[in-house]
Amino acid sequence: MMPRIILLCFGATVLIVAVRRMRTYRLKERHMLMFILTGLPFLALSIWPAGLWWVSQRLRIDYHTISMLCIAAFLILMIFEMLTIISLQDRKISTLAQIVGIMMEKEGITDRPRSEQSDEEYQAAVAAEERGRSA
């Protein structure tokens, strides 16, 4: 009875946290679905604790083996989902950094120190641009 209560509390907590995070932090639906899918197996096991035993009997695999397979599959799927999210965000950040770099280059803004020669060239270009505006 106690494991059933623990599973029910854990699953319900994950679902409640997912919904609250979506409201307060405006999480994307994709992330909220990941949290919901994280909590559902725990809720299912708390509602039907003999479900895993039933699956092990149907597949004729030892109960402990099927338990470990389920846990491993669950963790692997969660890791792949997290890696997908991280790689998408990494691509977006790289693209954003490239766009900012291009815009800084167009505006003549740089974060690198200029050498004396390039500083003179820069001053000459600014002077030529000012002459072009005044003419």
C-alpha atoms as a PDB file:
ATOM      1  CA  MET A   1       0.000   0.000   0.000  1.00  0.00           C
ATOM      2  CA  MET A   2       2.820   2.414   0.846  1.00  0.00           C
ATOM      3  CA  PRO A   3       4.584   2.071  -2.560  1.00  0.00           C
ATOM      4  CA  ARG A   4       1.246   2.781  -4.234  1.00  0.00           C
ATOM      5  CA  ILE A   5       0.825   6.010  -2.264  1.00  0.00           C
ATOM      6  CA  ILE A   6       4.406   7.061  -3.034  1.00  0.00           C
ATOM      7  CA  LEU A   7       3.913   6.442  -6.770  1.00  0.00           C
ATOM      8  CA  LEU A   8       0.611   8.318  -6.747  1.00  0.00           C
ATOM      9  CA  CYS A   9       2.129  11.302  -4.940  1.00  0.00           C
ATOM     10  CA  PHE A  10       5.167  11.402  -7.216  1.00  0.00           C
ATOM     11  CA  GLY A  11       3.125  11.171 -10.425  1.00  0.00           C
ATOM     12  CA  ALA A  12       0.609  13.777  -9.277  1.00  0.00           C
ATOM     13  CA  THR A  13       3.404  16.111  -8.172  1.00  0.00           C
ATOM     14  CA  VAL A  14       5.127  15.920 -11.551  1.00  0.00           C
ATOM     15  CA  LEU A  15       1.861  16.663 -13.353  1.00  0.00           C
ATOM     16  CA  ILE A  16       0.988  19.576 -11.071  1.00  0.00           C
ATOM     17  CA  VAL A  17       4.483  21.044 -11.401  1.00  0.00           C
ATOM     18  CA  ALA A  18       4.250  20.767 -15.204  1.00  0.00           C
ATOM     19  CA  VAL A  19       0.960  22.652 -15.323  1.00  0.00           C
ATOM     20  CA  ARG A  20       2.148  25.320 -12.854  1.00  0.00           C
ATOM     21  CA  ARG A  21       5.410  25.819 -14.743  1.00  0.00           C
ATOM     22  CA  MET A  22       3.541  26.228 -17.990  1.00  0.00           C
ATOM     23  CA  ARG A  23       1.386  28.947 -16.470  1.00  0.00           C
ATOM     24  CA  THR A  24       4.035  30.850 -14.521  1.00  0.00           C
ATOM     25  CA  TYR A  25       7.060  30.457 -16.779  1.00  0.00           C
ATOM     26  CA  ARG A  26       5.137  29.994 -20.006  1.00  0.00           C
ATOM     27  CA  LEU A  27       6.837  26.758 -20.909  1.00  0.00           C
ATOM     28  CA  LYS A  28       6.373  25.501 -24.412  1.00  0.00           C
ATOM     29  CA  GLU A  29       3.813  22.773 -24.896  1.00  0.00           C
ATOM     30  CA  ARG A  30       6.563  20.400 -25.953  1.00  0.00           C
ATOM     31  CA  HIS A  31       8.299  20.710 -22.602  1.00  0.00           C
ATOM     32  CA  MET A  32       5.056  20.417 -20.686  1.00  0.00           C
ATOM     33  CA  LEU A  33       4.171  17.254 -22.595  1.00  0.00           C
ATOM     34  CA  MET A  34       7.545  15.833 -21.632  1.00  0.00           C
ATOM     35  CA  PHE A  35       6.775  16.476 -17.958  1.00  0.00           C
ATOM     36  CA  ILE A  36       3.320  14.954 -18.303  1.00  0.00           C
ATOM     37  CA  LEU A  37       4.745  11.876 -20.001  1.00  0.00           C
ATOM     38  CA  THR A  38       7.219  11.652 -17.141  1.00  0.00           C
ATOM     39  CA  GLY A  39       4.444  11.538 -14.554  1.00  0.00           C
ATOM     40  CA  LEU A  40       2.034   9.230 -16.364  1.00  0.00           C
ATOM     41  CA  PRO A  41       3.954   5.951 -15.829  1.00  0.00           C
ATOM     42  CA  PHE A  42       4.029   6.606 -12.096  1.00  0.00           C
ATOM     43  CA  LEU A  43       0.319   7.319 -12.052  1.00  0.00           C
ATOM     44  CA  ALA A  44      -0.373   4.199 -14.101  1.00  0.00           C
ATOM     45  CA  LEU A  45       1.684   2.055 -11.710  1.00  0.00           C
ATOM     46  CA  SER A  46      -0.092   3.536  -8.703  1.00  0.00           C
ATOM     47  CA  ILE A  47      -3.507   2.824 -10.214  1.00  0.00           C
ATOM     48  CA  TRP A  48      -2.650  -0.651 -11.523  1.00  0.00           C
ATOM     49  CA  PRO A  49       0.397  -1.941  -9.617  1.00  0.00           C
ATOM     50  CA  ALA A  50      -0.008  -5.460 -11.008  1.00  0.00           C
ATOM     51  CA  GLY A  51       0.306  -4.106 -14.562  1.00  0.00           C
ATOM     52  CA  LEU A  52       4.014  -4.752 -14.734  1.00  0.00           C
ATOM     53  CA  TRP A  53       3.515  -8.263 -13.389  1.00  0.00           C
ATOM     54  CA  TRP A  54       0.805  -8.843 -16.043  1.00  0.00           C
ATOM     55  CA  VAL A  55       3.186  -7.698 -18.804  1.00  0.00           C
ATOM     56  CA  SER A  56       5.947  -9.950 -17.467  1.00  0.00           C
ATOM     57  CA  GLN A  57       3.581 -12.943 -17.452  1.00  0.00           C
ATOM     58  CA  ARG A  58       2.433 -12.264 -21.033  1.00  0.00           C
ATOM     59  CA  LEU A  59       5.969 -11.878 -22.328  1.00  0.00           C
ATOM     60  CA  ARG A  60       7.273 -14.747 -20.160  1.00  0.00           C
ATOM     61  CA  ILE A  61      10.077 -12.591 -18.807  1.00  0.00           C
ATOM     62  CA  ASP A  62      11.065 -12.368 -15.155  1.00  0.00           C
ATOM     63  CA  TYR A  63       9.357  -9.512 -13.278  1.00  0.00           C
ATOM     64  CA  HIS A  64      12.640  -7.913 -12.215  1.00  0.00           C
ATOM     65  CA  THR A  65      13.995  -8.061 -15.757  1.00  0.00           C
ATOM     66  CA  ILE A  66      10.919  -6.403 -17.228  1.00  0.00           C
ATOM     67  CA  SER A  67      11.083  -3.752 -14.501  1.00  0.00           C
ATOM     68  CA  MET A  68      14.669  -2.925 -15.381  1.00  0.00           C
ATOM     69  CA  LEU A  69      13.854  -2.882 -19.110  1.00  0.00           C
ATOM     70  CA  CYS A  70      10.993  -0.450 -18.518  1.00  0.00           C
ATOM     71  CA  ILE A  71      13.146   1.827 -16.371  1.00  0.00           C
ATOM     72  CA  ALA A  72      15.989   1.740 -18.907  1.00  0.00           C
ATOM     73  CA  ALA A  73      13.649   2.463 -21.830  1.00  0.00           C
ATOM     74  CA  PHE A  74      12.026   5.313 -19.929  1.00  0.00           C
ATOM     75  CA  LEU A  75      15.355   6.914 -19.041  1.00  0.00           C
ATOM     76  CA  ILE A  76      16.754   6.505 -22.551  1.00  0.00           C
ATOM     77  CA  LEU A  77      13.674   8.131 -24.082  1.00  0.00           C
ATOM     78  CA  MET A  78      13.879  11.029 -21.622  1.00  0.00           C
ATOM     79  CA  ILE A  79      17.589  11.529 -22.341  1.00  0.00           C
ATOM     80  CA  PHE A  80      16.972  11.548 -26.102  1.00  0.00           C
ATOM     81  CA  GLU A  81      14.175  14.084 -25.685  1.00  0.00           C
ATOM     82  CA  MET A  82      16.370  16.332 -23.536  1.00  0.00           C
ATOM     83  CA  LEU A  83      19.262  16.052 -26.004  1.00  0.00           C
ATOM     84  CA  THR A  84      16.914  16.992 -28.836  1.00  0.00           C
ATOM     85  CA  ILE A  85      15.774  20.084 -26.977  1.00  0.00           C
ATOM     86  CA  ILE A  86      19.357  21.039 -26.088  1.00  0.00           C
ATOM     87  CA  SER A  87      20.605  20.592 -29.660  1.00  0.00           C
ATOM     88  CA  LEU A  88      17.756  22.689 -31.067  1.00  0.00           C
ATOM     89  CA  GLN A  89      18.495  25.458 -28.585  1.00  0.00           C
ATOM     90  CA  ASP A  90      22.214  25.235 -29.402  1.00  0.00           C
ATOM     91  CA  ARG A  91      21.480  25.679 -33.103  1.00  0.00           C
ATOM     92  CA  LYS A  92      19.267  28.684 -32.376  1.00  0.00           C
ATOM     93  CA  ILE A  93      21.958  30.268 -30.192  1.00  0.00           C
ATOM     94  CA  SER A  94      24.633  29.687 -32.857  1.00  0.00           C
ATOM     95  CA  THR A  95      22.425  31.229 -35.527  1.00  0.00           C
ATOM     96  CA  LEU A  96      21.671  34.203 -33.301  1.00  0.00           C
ATOM     97  CA  ALA A  97      25.376  34.724 -32.572  1.00  0.00           C
ATOM     98  CA  GLN A  98      26.149  34.640 -36.303  1.00  0.00           C
ATOM     99  CA  ILE A  99      23.400  37.170 -37.056  1.00  0.00           C
ATOM    100  CA  VAL A 100      24.647  39.491 -34.311  1.00  0.00           C
ATOM    101  CA  GLY A 101      28.191  39.163 -35.656  1.00  0.00           C
ATOM    102  CA  ILE A 102      27.046  40.042 -39.174  1.00  0.00           C
ATOM    103  CA  MET A 103      25.086  43.036 -37.894  1.00  0.00           C
ATOM    104  CA  MET A 104      28.036  44.231 -35.826  1.00  0.00           C
ATOM    105  CA  GLU A 105      30.285  43.895 -38.883  1.00  0.00           C
ATOM    106  CA  LYS A 106      27.867  45.962 -40.987  1.00  0.00           C
ATOM    107  CA  GLU A 107      27.678  48.688 -38.336  1.00  0.00           C
ATOM    108  CA  GLY A 108      31.445  48.736 -37.856  1.00  0.00           C
ATOM    109  CA  ILE A 109      31.157  47.679 -34.224  1.00  0.00           C
ATOM    110  CA  THR A 110      33.756  45.233 -33.083  1.00  0.00           C
ATOM    111  CA  ASP A 111      34.778  43.735 -29.784  1.00  0.00           C
ATOM    112  CA  ARG A 112      38.344  43.095 -30.966  1.00  0.00           C
ATOM    113  CA  PRO A 113      41.108  45.628 -30.270  1.00  0.00           C
ATOM    114  CA  ARG A 114      42.242  47.395 -33.407  1.00  0.00           C
ATOM    115  CA  SER A 115      45.855  47.590 -34.469  1.00  0.00           C
ATOM    116  CA  GLU A 116      47.381  50.984 -35.330  1.00  0.00           C
ATOM    117  CA  GLN A 117      47.222  50.347 -39.057  1.00  0.00           C
ATOM    118  CA  SER A 118      43.566  49.322 -39.023  1.00  0.00           C
ATOM    119  CA  ASP A 119      42.781  52.282 -36.750  1.00  0.00           C
ATOM    120  CA  GLU A 120      44.255  54.657 -39.307  1.00  0.00           C
ATOM    121  CA  GLU A 121      42.282  52.966 -42.059  1.00  0.00           C
ATOM    122  CA  TYR A 122      39.141  53.267 -39.947  1.00  0.00           C
ATOM    123  CA  GLN A 123      39.726  56.998 -39.360  1.00  0.00           C
ATOM    124  CA  ALA A 124      40.265  57.520 -43.093  1.00  0.00           C
ATOM    125  CA  ALA A 125      37.036  55.674 -43.898  1.00  0.00           C
ATOM    126  CA  VAL A 126      35.103  57.758 -41.351  1.00  0.00           C
ATOM    127  CA  ALA A 127      36.551  60.969 -42.762  1.00  0.00           C
ATOM    128  CA  ALA A 128      35.652  59.914 -46.327  1.00  0.00           C
ATOM    129  CA  GLU A 129      32.130  59.076 -45.226  1.00  0.00           C
ATOM    130  CA  GLU A 130      31.726  62.467 -43.571  1.00  0.00           C
ATOM    131  CA  ARG A 131      32.976  64.210 -46.718  1.00  0.00           C
ATOM    132  CA  GLY A 132      30.426  62.231 -48.712  1.00  0.00           C
ATOM    133  CA  ARG A 133      27.586  63.319 -46.424  1.00  0.00           C
ATOM    134  CA  SER A 134      28.535  67.001 -46.499  1.00  0.00           C
ATOM    135  CA  ALA A 135      28.830  67.098 -50.308  1.00  0.00           C
END
